[in-house]
Amino acid sequence: MENQESVRDLPQSPSEEVARGGSNFLLYNLFDTISQASSEVSWRFRSNRSVDALHAALPEEQLRMWSQRYRCPPRAASLENLPRLRTMKPEVADRELAFVMQAGELALEKPRFPSKRKCQDLRWLILLGFVLAFVAMYCVMVFQQAELDVIQQLLHNGMLIASSAGCLAGMVLSTLFMLMTRCFPNFMVRLLVLGSPIVMIVSGSVYTTFHCMTAGCVFLAVGITLLMVLFFGCQQSGLTGQTMGQVLHDLVCPRTLLVHGLHLLLNLAWLVCCSLVVLAADIRFKDMAVEIVLVHIVVALIYIWGAEVLGYVAQVAYCGLLLRSYLGEDTRAFRRSLRTAFVVVGSACYAATVGAPGCLWSILRQAEARRRGKCRDEGQLSSAVPCPGRTVEYCGAWAIAVSAMRDVNHIEGARLAKCFLTCANAEVLLEDIMLKSIDFFGSLLCGLLGCAASVGTALFFELEQGSISWCGIIGFVSSFVFGRASMGFITHSVEAFLLLWSEDPGPFQHTELHKEFEMRISADLSYEFGVRPTPAPL
């Protein structure tokens, strides 16, 4: 598109930009799935103009030549090769090009799968040690004589059994979701996204039946609203299912299932430790309600943070297995992947701390770009596809996937991830693959089902109303984290797949997914920016 936007349409200041986006942040999260699906519909509309035209106009050999034109080596990056950078102001585009070239030099300095690795981000291990010491200190308090009486009382009234039922249900369901996604990817994409509102509607109906009108009406309203929004968002989910099916078909094996099982067991042990901390705090503060609520919030945040650390460590292991498989590095792959996972514990702590804010910022920026139809990175031209984001958006899963291959710290991994995706123009694919939606709504579905299992068990034991509520909360939180483990297994593996494909498509040349990726990127560049194929003469 050649039309220039008026200055009045652009935000006047960064503070005004944040204010506009923050006021509708919750709305952006709710509609993120449907906006991604609209990208899918938009691509199918554009394909009639672009992809079919390319197929009709060019011989197969020349089309293969053109398929290599959408990507460029980082050290040879230019505005011609990266047309979306032309939507930025010249000084911003120059900074992005310099960033890409520097990251390309770093990629040459840090080869894939080095024979020796050193521990990275060691300073973040101090935070991990402090958290573990805090948890251990409070756990010791539980094993005093007075606290043992309390545990016996919990065992007697069935509260611990009901909470354990929710945890066990979460572990089983999360593993089942992962295995079913491998066999029925397209069906599971719809189930993982639409399952949460359906469970909410069923729960609201049950509450209403048992004369809990307020809670029932709230669950029904939220469930029906989400179902209406997400139902239309899931109408076009073919690429998401196709990608997940391809990755899980190559990844799910006894070795990765062993890593996943260890991950769930460590999550369970971490849950038990944090539960003992809550119990010790309740005994210590007794009737001090404010202090007890504060401790519960702090322990919940510590539990989620620790679960994220475990998730990123496990991600390094199975991403290493996946990437070594594609690159033919199968010699002692399992042992080397586990060794790498232990080496990057410090980076995992960094990712658990910085990854969540980066993900939220990415959701906000992309949703704003879709709503306004232009780039937010000081863009000047209209574009339905956001420009490459800030480095913080690639912290977390993207950077950890790079760390599974290279001896880099977390920030260097984020820079390389941004560089690879930018040079392959792969942000187009991120608009069409519903990774964020699968991750959140799949975890939410697992959490709701685990909560239902805990509440059902508590009702069977005829516990008091307060005990039933606590069982439901424990079942939901634990099952949500177990769901995050399985959804992370899926989404993080897809991200590692996309990163390796963006850096080196060679191992994927024989797959249909490779051709699909190429055509989608070529069609988007052709339609959005007028980048037409100029194949070399045969």
Protein backbone atom coordinates (compact mmCIF):
# COMPACT_ATOMS: atom_id res chain seq x y z
CA MET A 1 0.00 0.00 0.00
CA GLU A 2 1.32 3.35 -0.99
CA ASN A 3 -1.06 5.68 0.84
CA GLN A 4 0.40 7.66 3.72
CA GLU A 5 -1.45 7.99 7.00
CA SER A 6 -2.13 11.39 8.41
CA VAL A 7 -0.26 12.52 11.50
CA ARG A 8 -3.54 12.92 13.36
CA ASP A 9 -4.17 9.16 13.19
CA LEU A 10 -0.88 8.35 14.87
CA PRO A 11 -0.54 8.41 18.68
CA GLN A 12 0.79 11.70 19.98
CA SER A 13 3.01 10.24 22.71
CA PRO A 14 4.01 6.89 24.24
CA SER A 15 1.91 7.62 27.32
CA GLU A 16 -1.16 8.25 25.17
CA GLU A 17 -0.44 5.04 23.26
CA VAL A 18 -0.28 2.98 26.47
CA ALA A 19 -3.40 4.66 27.84
CA ARG A 20 -5.39 3.84 24.72
CA GLY A 21 -4.24 0.23 24.69
CA GLY A 22 -4.48 -0.34 28.44
CA SER A 23 -8.08 0.85 28.65
CA ASN A 24 -9.16 -2.05 26.42
CA PHE A 25 -6.54 -4.61 27.45
CA LEU A 26 -9.04 -7.17 28.75
CA LEU A 27 -11.11 -6.83 25.59
CA TYR A 28 -8.03 -7.45 23.46
CA ASN A 29 -7.29 -10.69 25.32
CA LEU A 30 -10.85 -11.95 24.89
CA PHE A 31 -10.90 -11.19 21.17
CA ASP A 32 -7.34 -12.29 20.41
CA THR A 33 -8.50 -15.67 19.11
CA ILE A 34 -11.15 -14.28 16.79
CA SER A 35 -8.75 -11.67 15.43
CA GLN A 36 -6.25 -14.41 14.65
CA ALA A 37 -8.98 -16.33 12.88
CA SER A 38 -9.80 -13.22 10.88
CA SER A 39 -6.19 -13.27 9.67
CA GLU A 40 -6.85 -16.82 8.46
CA VAL A 41 -9.99 -15.71 6.60
CA SER A 42 -8.14 -12.72 5.21
CA TRP A 43 -5.34 -14.95 3.93
CA ARG A 44 -7.82 -17.25 2.21
CA PHE A 45 -9.36 -14.23 0.52
CA ARG A 46 -5.97 -12.93 -0.52
CA SER A 47 -4.91 -16.38 -1.75
CA ASN A 48 -7.34 -16.09 -4.62
CA ARG A 49 -5.42 -13.00 -5.73
CA SER A 50 -1.88 -13.91 -4.77
CA VAL A 51 -1.09 -17.60 -4.31
CA ASP A 52 -3.22 -18.84 -7.19
CA ALA A 53 -1.83 -16.07 -9.37
CA LEU A 54 1.73 -17.09 -8.50
CA HIS A 55 1.00 -20.73 -9.32
CA ALA A 56 -0.66 -19.82 -12.59
CA ALA A 57 1.97 -17.36 -13.74
CA LEU A 58 5.18 -19.16 -12.85
CA PRO A 59 6.61 -22.60 -13.64
CA GLU A 60 7.31 -24.84 -10.66
CA GLU A 61 11.10 -24.33 -10.89
CA GLN A 62 10.80 -20.55 -10.89
CA LEU A 63 8.28 -20.69 -8.06
CA ARG A 64 10.82 -22.59 -5.98
CA MET A 65 13.36 -19.86 -6.73
CA TRP A 66 10.89 -17.23 -5.61
CA SER A 67 10.16 -19.14 -2.41
CA GLN A 68 13.71 -18.40 -1.31
CA ARG A 69 13.28 -14.66 -1.91
CA TYR A 70 11.04 -14.12 1.13
CA ARG A 71 13.95 -14.85 3.48
CA CYS A 72 17.47 -13.47 3.66
CA PRO A 73 20.61 -14.16 5.71
CA PRO A 74 20.85 -11.79 8.70
CA ARG A 75 24.15 -10.36 7.51
CA ALA A 76 22.59 -9.49 4.12
CA ALA A 77 19.43 -7.88 5.48
CA SER A 78 18.06 -4.88 3.61
CA LEU A 79 14.80 -3.02 3.14
CA GLU A 80 14.25 -4.88 -0.15
CA ASN A 81 14.41 -8.24 1.62
CA LEU A 82 12.41 -7.10 4.66
CA PRO A 83 9.55 -5.03 3.23
CA ARG A 84 7.72 -4.60 6.53
CA LEU A 85 10.63 -2.52 7.79
CA ARG A 86 9.68 0.00 5.11
CA THR A 87 6.57 0.79 7.15
CA MET A 88 8.82 2.32 9.81
CA LYS A 89 10.45 5.69 9.90
CA PRO A 90 13.92 5.65 8.28
CA GLU A 91 15.82 6.00 11.55
CA VAL A 92 13.80 3.19 13.17
CA ALA A 93 14.31 0.95 10.12
CA ASP A 94 18.06 1.60 10.24
CA ARG A 95 18.16 0.58 13.90
CA GLU A 96 16.26 -2.63 13.11
CA LEU A 97 18.65 -3.48 10.26
CA ALA A 98 21.66 -2.89 12.50
CA PHE A 99 20.06 -5.10 15.15
CA VAL A 100 19.48 -7.91 12.66
CA MET A 101 23.06 -7.76 11.39
CA GLN A 102 24.49 -7.81 14.92
CA ALA A 103 22.32 -10.82 15.76
CA GLY A 104 23.59 -12.50 12.58
CA GLU A 105 27.18 -12.03 13.79
CA LEU A 106 26.16 -13.53 17.14
CA ALA A 107 24.63 -16.56 15.40
CA LEU A 108 27.94 -17.21 13.64
CA GLU A 109 29.85 -16.92 16.93
CA LYS A 110 27.46 -19.31 18.70
CA PRO A 111 27.08 -22.47 16.57
CA ARG A 112 24.28 -24.97 17.12
CA PHE A 113 24.75 -27.77 19.67
CA PRO A 114 28.26 -26.96 20.94
CA SER A 115 30.22 -29.76 22.58
CA LYS A 116 30.66 -27.74 25.79
CA ARG A 117 28.27 -25.31 27.41
CA LYS A 118 28.59 -23.03 30.39
CA CYS A 119 25.91 -22.02 32.88
CA GLN A 120 24.14 -18.84 31.80
CA ASP A 121 22.36 -16.13 33.83
CA LEU A 122 23.90 -17.35 37.08
CA ARG A 123 22.68 -14.28 38.98
CA TRP A 124 19.12 -15.51 38.64
CA LEU A 125 20.04 -18.68 40.53
CA ILE A 126 20.27 -16.47 43.62
CA LEU A 127 16.55 -15.74 43.31
CA LEU A 128 15.84 -19.46 42.92
CA GLY A 129 17.91 -20.27 46.00
CA PHE A 130 16.12 -17.60 48.04
CA VAL A 131 12.69 -18.95 47.05
CA LEU A 132 13.66 -22.55 47.84
CA ALA A 133 15.08 -21.51 51.22
CA PHE A 134 11.86 -19.63 52.05
CA VAL A 135 9.71 -22.64 51.14
CA ALA A 136 11.92 -25.06 53.07
CA MET A 137 11.87 -22.86 56.17
CA TYR A 138 8.10 -22.84 56.32
CA CYS A 139 7.81 -26.53 55.48
CA VAL A 140 9.90 -27.36 58.55
CA MET A 141 7.29 -25.64 60.72
CA VAL A 142 4.62 -28.07 59.56
CA PHE A 143 6.45 -31.09 60.92
CA GLN A 144 6.26 -29.94 64.51
CA GLN A 145 3.93 -31.82 66.81
CA ALA A 146 1.12 -29.25 66.74
CA GLU A 147 1.08 -29.18 62.98
CA LEU A 148 0.88 -32.96 62.70
CA ASP A 149 -2.43 -32.85 64.54
CA VAL A 150 -3.76 -30.46 61.93
CA ILE A 151 -2.66 -32.76 59.09
CA GLN A 152 -4.40 -35.68 60.76
CA GLN A 153 -7.56 -33.61 60.99
CA LEU A 154 -7.36 -32.80 57.27
CA LEU A 155 -6.94 -36.49 56.45
CA HIS A 156 -9.91 -37.31 58.64
CA ASN A 157 -12.38 -34.87 57.11
CA GLY A 158 -11.50 -35.71 53.51
CA MET A 159 -10.29 -32.27 52.43
CA LEU A 160 -6.86 -33.54 51.45
CA ILE A 161 -8.39 -36.43 49.51
CA ALA A 162 -10.68 -34.07 47.60
CA SER A 163 -7.80 -31.74 46.75
CA SER A 164 -5.68 -34.70 45.63
CA ALA A 165 -8.52 -35.86 43.37
CA GLY A 166 -8.39 -32.54 41.53
CA CYS A 167 -4.60 -32.75 41.18
CA LEU A 168 -4.76 -36.29 39.85
CA ALA A 169 -7.51 -35.35 37.40
CA GLY A 170 -5.38 -32.44 36.17
CA MET A 171 -2.37 -34.69 35.59
CA VAL A 172 -4.41 -37.28 33.69
CA LEU A 173 -6.35 -34.75 31.62
CA SER A 174 -3.26 -32.73 30.68
CA THR A 175 -1.49 -35.84 29.40
CA LEU A 176 -4.63 -36.97 27.59
CA PHE A 177 -4.95 -33.58 25.88
CA MET A 178 -1.38 -33.86 24.61
CA LEU A 179 -1.80 -37.39 23.24
CA MET A 180 -5.17 -36.62 21.63
CA THR A 181 -3.73 -33.52 19.97
CA ARG A 182 -1.15 -35.73 18.30
CA CYS A 183 -3.86 -38.01 16.88
CA PHE A 184 -6.69 -35.53 16.20
CA PRO A 185 -5.09 -32.07 15.91
CA ASN A 186 -7.90 -30.19 14.15
CA PHE A 187 -10.56 -31.53 16.52
CA MET A 188 -8.43 -30.78 19.59
CA VAL A 189 -7.79 -27.19 18.49
CA ARG A 190 -11.54 -26.57 18.63
CA LEU A 191 -11.95 -28.54 21.87
CA LEU A 192 -9.14 -26.76 23.70
CA VAL A 193 -10.48 -23.34 22.74
CA LEU A 194 -14.22 -24.00 23.03
CA GLY A 195 -14.09 -26.40 26.00
CA SER A 196 -13.73 -23.69 28.65
CA PRO A 197 -16.95 -21.79 27.83
CA ILE A 198 -18.85 -25.08 27.51
CA VAL A 199 -17.71 -26.15 30.99
CA MET A 200 -18.70 -22.72 32.31
CA ILE A 201 -22.18 -23.06 30.81
CA VAL A 202 -22.59 -26.53 32.33
CA SER A 203 -21.36 -25.27 35.70
CA GLY A 204 -23.73 -22.32 35.56
CA SER A 205 -26.62 -24.64 34.80
CA VAL A 206 -25.71 -26.86 37.78
CA TYR A 207 -25.41 -23.87 40.10
CA THR A 208 -28.78 -22.59 38.95
CA THR A 209 -30.36 -26.01 39.48
CA PHE A 210 -29.13 -26.07 43.08
CA HIS A 211 -30.52 -22.55 43.73
CA CYS A 212 -27.18 -20.70 43.57
CA MET A 213 -28.64 -18.09 41.27
CA THR A 214 -25.91 -15.44 41.51
CA ALA A 215 -22.97 -17.76 40.78
CA GLY A 216 -25.01 -19.62 38.15
CA CYS A 217 -25.94 -16.47 36.26
CA VAL A 218 -22.34 -15.24 36.30
CA PHE A 219 -21.01 -18.55 34.92
CA LEU A 220 -23.75 -18.68 32.28
CA ALA A 221 -23.16 -15.10 31.13
CA VAL A 222 -19.38 -15.49 30.89
CA GLY A 223 -19.62 -18.93 29.27
CA ILE A 224 -22.18 -17.92 26.63
CA THR A 225 -20.26 -14.75 25.76
CA LEU A 226 -16.96 -16.61 25.40
CA LEU A 227 -18.60 -19.38 23.38
CA MET A 228 -20.09 -16.91 20.91
CA VAL A 229 -16.76 -15.12 20.48
CA LEU A 230 -14.54 -18.19 20.33
CA PHE A 231 -16.89 -20.22 18.14
CA PHE A 232 -16.47 -17.82 15.24
CA GLY A 233 -12.76 -17.55 16.02
CA CYS A 234 -12.29 -21.31 15.58
CA GLN A 235 -13.97 -21.59 12.20
CA GLN A 236 -10.61 -21.26 10.45
CA SER A 237 -8.06 -23.24 12.45
CA GLY A 238 -6.61 -25.50 9.76
CA LEU A 239 -3.04 -24.19 9.86
CA THR A 240 -2.91 -24.42 13.67
CA GLY A 241 -4.02 -28.05 13.64
CA GLN A 242 -1.77 -28.93 10.72
CA THR A 243 1.29 -27.44 12.41
CA MET A 244 0.61 -28.99 15.80
CA GLY A 245 -0.07 -32.38 14.24
CA GLN A 246 3.21 -32.30 12.30
CA VAL A 247 5.28 -31.25 15.32
CA LEU A 248 3.71 -33.68 17.79
CA HIS A 249 3.95 -36.56 15.30
CA ASP A 250 7.72 -36.04 15.21
CA LEU A 251 8.11 -35.19 18.91
CA VAL A 252 5.92 -37.57 20.93
CA CYS A 253 7.99 -40.64 21.74
CA PRO A 254 8.90 -42.58 24.90
CA ARG A 255 11.79 -40.20 25.67
CA THR A 256 9.68 -37.05 25.52
CA LEU A 257 6.86 -38.72 27.45
CA LEU A 258 9.41 -39.56 30.15
CA VAL A 259 10.45 -35.90 30.33
CA HIS A 260 6.81 -34.86 30.49
CA GLY A 261 6.09 -37.36 33.27
CA LEU A 262 9.05 -36.09 35.31
CA HIS A 263 7.81 -32.55 34.75
CA LEU A 264 4.36 -33.39 36.13
CA LEU A 265 5.83 -35.20 39.16
CA LEU A 266 8.08 -32.24 39.97
CA ASN A 267 5.09 -29.94 39.63
CA LEU A 268 3.19 -32.14 42.08
CA ALA A 269 6.08 -32.05 44.56
CA TRP A 270 6.26 -28.27 44.23
CA LEU A 271 2.51 -28.04 44.87
CA VAL A 272 2.87 -30.12 48.05
CA CYS A 273 5.67 -27.89 49.31
CA CYS A 274 3.70 -24.70 48.66
CA SER A 275 0.62 -26.22 50.29
CA LEU A 276 2.68 -26.93 53.41
CA VAL A 277 3.81 -23.29 53.40
CA VAL A 278 0.18 -22.16 53.35
CA LEU A 279 -0.65 -24.54 56.17
CA ALA A 280 2.29 -23.35 58.25
CA ALA A 281 1.31 -19.72 57.66
CA ASP A 282 -2.28 -20.39 58.72
CA ILE A 283 -1.06 -21.99 61.95
CA ARG A 284 1.43 -19.22 62.68
CA PHE A 285 -0.90 -16.27 62.07
CA LYS A 286 -4.10 -18.04 63.21
CA ASP A 287 -6.81 -15.36 63.48
CA MET A 288 -4.85 -12.57 61.71
CA ALA A 289 -7.00 -12.45 58.56
CA VAL A 290 -5.06 -9.77 56.67
CA GLU A 291 -1.71 -11.51 57.14
CA ILE A 292 -3.18 -14.86 56.11
CA VAL A 293 -4.66 -13.42 52.88
CA LEU A 294 -1.35 -11.72 52.09
CA VAL A 295 0.58 -14.95 52.62
CA HIS A 296 -1.85 -16.85 50.39
CA ILE A 297 -1.33 -14.35 47.56
CA VAL A 298 2.46 -14.42 47.93
CA VAL A 299 2.59 -18.22 48.03
CA ALA A 300 0.30 -18.45 44.97
CA LEU A 301 2.67 -16.18 43.02
CA ILE A 302 5.68 -18.21 44.20
CA TYR A 303 3.96 -21.43 43.17
CA ILE A 304 3.14 -20.13 39.68
CA TRP A 305 6.67 -18.75 39.27
CA GLY A 306 8.25 -22.05 40.31
CA ALA A 307 5.94 -23.98 38.00
CA GLU A 308 7.00 -21.70 35.13
CA VAL A 309 10.67 -22.38 35.93
CA LEU A 310 10.03 -26.13 35.81
CA GLY A 311 8.15 -25.68 32.55
CA TYR A 312 11.00 -23.82 30.87
CA VAL A 313 13.56 -26.39 32.05
CA ALA A 314 11.40 -29.18 30.61
CA GLN A 315 11.00 -27.16 27.41
CA VAL A 316 14.75 -27.13 26.89
CA ALA A 317 14.81 -30.93 27.17
CA TYR A 318 12.10 -31.78 24.67
CA CYS A 319 12.94 -28.91 22.32
CA GLY A 320 16.49 -30.25 22.26
CA LEU A 321 15.15 -33.68 21.35
CA LEU A 322 12.95 -32.26 18.60
CA LEU A 323 15.64 -30.06 17.05
CA ARG A 324 18.31 -32.76 17.23
CA SER A 325 15.92 -35.12 15.48
CA TYR A 326 15.37 -32.68 12.60
CA LEU A 327 19.07 -31.93 12.29
CA GLY A 328 20.15 -35.57 12.50
CA GLU A 329 21.95 -35.10 15.84
CA ASP A 330 20.60 -38.28 17.40
CA THR A 331 23.82 -39.46 19.05
CA ARG A 332 23.13 -39.48 22.80
CA ALA A 333 20.38 -36.93 22.16
CA PHE A 334 18.42 -37.70 25.33
CA ARG A 335 21.42 -37.40 27.64
CA ARG A 336 22.66 -34.21 26.01
CA SER A 337 19.21 -32.62 26.09
CA LEU A 338 18.86 -33.32 29.83
CA ARG A 339 22.34 -31.95 30.47
CA THR A 340 21.44 -28.78 28.58
CA ALA A 341 18.24 -28.45 30.63
CA PHE A 342 20.23 -28.44 33.89
CA VAL A 343 22.72 -25.92 32.49
CA VAL A 344 20.05 -23.33 31.60
CA VAL A 345 18.24 -23.30 34.97
CA GLY A 346 19.35 -19.70 35.49
CA SER A 347 17.92 -18.70 32.11
CA ALA A 348 14.69 -20.52 33.03
CA CYS A 349 14.41 -18.36 36.17
CA TYR A 350 14.98 -15.29 33.99
CA ALA A 351 12.31 -16.48 31.53
CA ALA A 352 9.76 -17.15 34.28
CA THR A 353 10.25 -13.60 35.57
CA VAL A 354 10.41 -11.67 32.30
CA GLY A 355 8.45 -13.93 29.94
CA ALA A 356 4.95 -13.13 31.26
CA PRO A 357 5.26 -9.32 30.90
CA GLY A 358 6.74 -9.79 27.44
CA CYS A 359 3.85 -12.04 26.40
CA LEU A 360 1.26 -9.56 27.71
CA TRP A 361 2.98 -6.71 25.88
CA SER A 362 3.00 -8.78 22.68
CA ILE A 363 -0.74 -9.50 22.98
CA LEU A 364 -1.46 -5.82 23.54
CA ARG A 365 0.70 -4.65 20.63
CA GLN A 366 -0.61 -7.21 18.14
CA ALA A 367 -4.24 -6.70 19.11
CA GLU A 368 -3.78 -2.94 18.74
CA ALA A 369 -2.17 -3.45 15.35
CA ARG A 370 -5.05 -5.63 14.16
CA ARG A 371 -7.65 -3.21 15.45
CA ARG A 372 -6.08 -0.15 13.88
CA GLY A 373 -4.69 -1.90 10.81
CA LYS A 374 -1.20 -0.51 11.11
CA CYS A 375 2.12 -1.02 12.86
CA ARG A 376 2.70 0.51 16.26
CA ASP A 377 6.49 0.65 16.02
CA GLU A 378 6.35 4.25 14.78
CA GLY A 379 4.90 2.97 11.53
CA GLN A 380 3.92 5.21 8.65
CA LEU A 381 2.16 2.90 6.18
CA SER A 382 -0.91 0.73 6.68
CA SER A 383 -0.32 -2.95 7.35
CA ALA A 384 -2.49 -5.74 8.70
CA VAL A 385 0.62 -7.57 9.99
CA PRO A 386 2.48 -6.08 12.96
CA CYS A 387 6.10 -5.12 12.56
CA PRO A 388 8.77 -7.05 14.45
CA GLY A 389 8.27 -6.35 18.14
CA ARG A 390 10.68 -5.34 20.86
CA THR A 391 13.19 -7.82 22.20
CA VAL A 392 11.26 -8.28 25.46
CA GLU A 393 8.43 -9.91 23.46
CA TYR A 394 10.80 -12.74 22.51
CA CYS A 395 11.89 -13.39 26.09
CA GLY A 396 10.46 -16.54 27.60
CA ALA A 397 9.61 -19.47 25.33
CA TRP A 398 11.25 -18.06 22.17
CA ALA A 399 14.56 -17.34 23.90
CA ILE A 400 14.52 -20.68 25.73
CA ALA A 401 14.01 -22.51 22.41
CA VAL A 402 17.16 -20.81 21.10
CA SER A 403 19.00 -21.75 24.33
CA ALA A 404 18.14 -25.39 23.65
CA MET A 405 20.43 -25.17 20.59
CA ARG A 406 23.04 -22.53 21.37
CA ASP A 407 25.27 -21.56 24.27
CA VAL A 408 23.69 -18.13 24.83
CA ASN A 409 22.18 -16.25 27.75
CA HIS A 410 18.51 -15.37 27.78
CA ILE A 411 18.74 -11.90 26.25
CA GLU A 412 21.01 -13.18 23.47
CA GLY A 413 18.48 -15.95 22.82
CA ALA A 414 15.69 -13.38 22.54
CA ARG A 415 17.75 -11.34 20.07
CA LEU A 416 18.45 -14.38 17.92
CA ALA A 417 14.79 -15.43 17.99
CA LYS A 418 13.71 -11.98 16.84
CA CYS A 419 16.40 -11.98 14.16
CA PHE A 420 15.45 -15.38 12.70
CA LEU A 421 11.72 -14.63 12.62
CA THR A 422 12.30 -11.18 11.12
CA CYS A 423 14.65 -12.38 8.37
CA ALA A 424 12.17 -15.07 7.32
CA ASN A 425 9.19 -12.68 7.58
CA ALA A 426 7.69 -15.38 9.81
CA GLU A 427 5.57 -12.99 11.89
CA VAL A 428 2.97 -13.63 9.19
CA LEU A 429 2.71 -17.20 10.45
CA LEU A 430 2.36 -16.08 14.07
CA GLU A 431 -0.77 -14.19 13.04
CA ASP A 432 -2.32 -17.37 11.63
CA ILE A 433 -1.28 -19.94 14.26
CA MET A 434 -3.32 -19.57 17.46
CA LEU A 435 -0.55 -20.39 19.94
CA LYS A 436 -1.60 -17.93 22.66
CA SER A 437 -5.22 -19.03 22.49
CA ILE A 438 -4.35 -22.74 22.66
CA ASP A 439 -2.01 -22.15 25.60
CA PHE A 440 -4.42 -20.11 27.72
CA PHE A 441 -7.80 -21.68 26.96
CA GLY A 442 -6.40 -25.23 27.01
CA SER A 443 -4.92 -24.60 30.46
CA LEU A 444 -8.17 -23.00 31.59
CA LEU A 445 -10.17 -26.02 30.43
CA CYS A 446 -7.88 -28.37 32.37
CA GLY A 447 -8.17 -26.15 35.45
CA LEU A 448 -11.97 -26.05 35.31
CA LEU A 449 -12.22 -29.82 34.96
CA GLY A 450 -9.79 -30.33 37.84
CA CYS A 451 -11.85 -27.93 39.95
CA ALA A 452 -14.99 -29.92 39.10
CA ALA A 453 -13.25 -33.15 40.18
CA SER A 454 -12.22 -31.62 43.53
CA VAL A 455 -15.66 -30.15 44.21
CA GLY A 456 -17.39 -33.41 43.26
CA THR A 457 -15.14 -35.40 45.62
CA ALA A 458 -15.72 -32.88 48.42
CA LEU A 459 -19.49 -33.16 47.96
CA PHE A 460 -19.19 -36.94 48.09
CA PHE A 461 -17.47 -36.66 51.49
CA GLU A 462 -20.10 -34.08 52.57
CA LEU A 463 -17.55 -31.46 53.59
CA GLU A 464 -18.43 -28.02 54.90
CA GLN A 465 -19.02 -25.14 52.49
CA GLY A 466 -15.69 -23.48 53.30
CA SER A 467 -13.75 -26.70 52.82
CA ILE A 468 -15.46 -27.31 49.47
CA SER A 469 -14.39 -23.86 48.27
CA TRP A 470 -10.77 -24.46 49.28
CA CYS A 471 -10.77 -27.86 47.56
CA GLY A 472 -12.10 -26.23 44.39
CA ILE A 473 -9.41 -23.53 44.47
CA ILE A 474 -6.61 -26.04 45.01
CA GLY A 475 -7.98 -28.30 42.27
CA PHE A 476 -8.27 -25.41 39.82
CA VAL A 477 -4.82 -23.92 40.47
CA SER A 478 -3.00 -27.26 40.37
CA SER A 479 -4.87 -28.49 37.27
CA PHE A 480 -4.32 -25.16 35.54
CA VAL A 481 -0.57 -25.49 36.09
CA PHE A 482 -0.62 -29.11 34.89
CA GLY A 483 -2.56 -27.93 31.84
CA ARG A 484 0.07 -25.26 31.28
CA ALA A 485 2.69 -28.00 31.30
CA SER A 486 0.95 -29.92 28.52
CA MET A 487 -0.02 -26.84 26.53
CA GLY A 488 3.56 -25.66 26.89
CA PHE A 489 4.71 -29.02 25.55
CA ILE A 490 2.62 -28.31 22.45
CA THR A 491 3.06 -24.56 21.92
CA HIS A 492 6.73 -24.38 22.86
CA SER A 493 7.52 -27.24 20.50
CA VAL A 494 5.72 -25.39 17.70
CA GLU A 495 7.75 -22.28 18.51
CA ALA A 496 11.00 -24.27 18.36
CA PHE A 497 9.83 -25.76 15.05
CA LEU A 498 9.14 -22.27 13.65
CA LEU A 499 12.49 -20.94 14.83
CA LEU A 500 14.45 -23.75 13.23
CA TRP A 501 12.40 -23.44 10.04
CA SER A 502 13.01 -19.66 9.98
CA GLU A 503 16.75 -20.14 10.41
CA ASP A 504 17.21 -23.15 8.12
CA PRO A 505 14.30 -24.60 6.11
CA GLY A 506 16.47 -27.38 4.73
CA PRO A 507 15.30 -30.17 7.10
CA PHE A 508 11.66 -29.41 6.20
CA GLN A 509 11.85 -29.32 2.41
CA HIS A 510 9.98 -32.62 2.06
CA THR A 511 6.96 -31.60 4.18
CA GLU A 512 3.70 -30.08 2.97
CA LEU A 513 3.86 -27.68 5.88
CA HIS A 514 7.00 -26.11 4.42
CA LYS A 515 5.19 -25.30 1.18
CA GLU A 516 2.21 -23.97 3.11
CA PHE A 517 4.44 -21.62 5.10
CA GLU A 518 6.18 -20.37 1.97
CA MET A 519 2.94 -19.65 0.14
CA ARG A 520 1.38 -17.84 3.07
CA ILE A 521 4.36 -15.55 3.52
CA SER A 522 4.68 -14.91 -0.22
CA ALA A 523 0.96 -14.15 -0.50
CA ASP A 524 1.01 -11.74 2.42
CA LEU A 525 4.08 -9.88 1.16
CA SER A 526 2.61 -9.74 -2.32
CA TYR A 527 -0.76 -8.42 -1.19
CA GLU A 528 0.24 -6.11 1.66
CA PHE A 529 3.37 -4.53 0.25
CA GLY A 530 3.23 -5.09 -3.49
CA VAL A 531 6.33 -7.30 -3.40
CA ARG A 532 6.03 -9.25 -6.62
CA PRO A 533 8.18 -12.25 -7.56
CA THR A 534 11.04 -11.52 -9.93
CA PRO A 535 12.44 -14.99 -10.57
CA ALA A 536 15.84 -15.39 -12.07
CA PRO A 537 15.98 -16.63 -15.68
CA LEU A 538 16.33 -20.38 -16.06
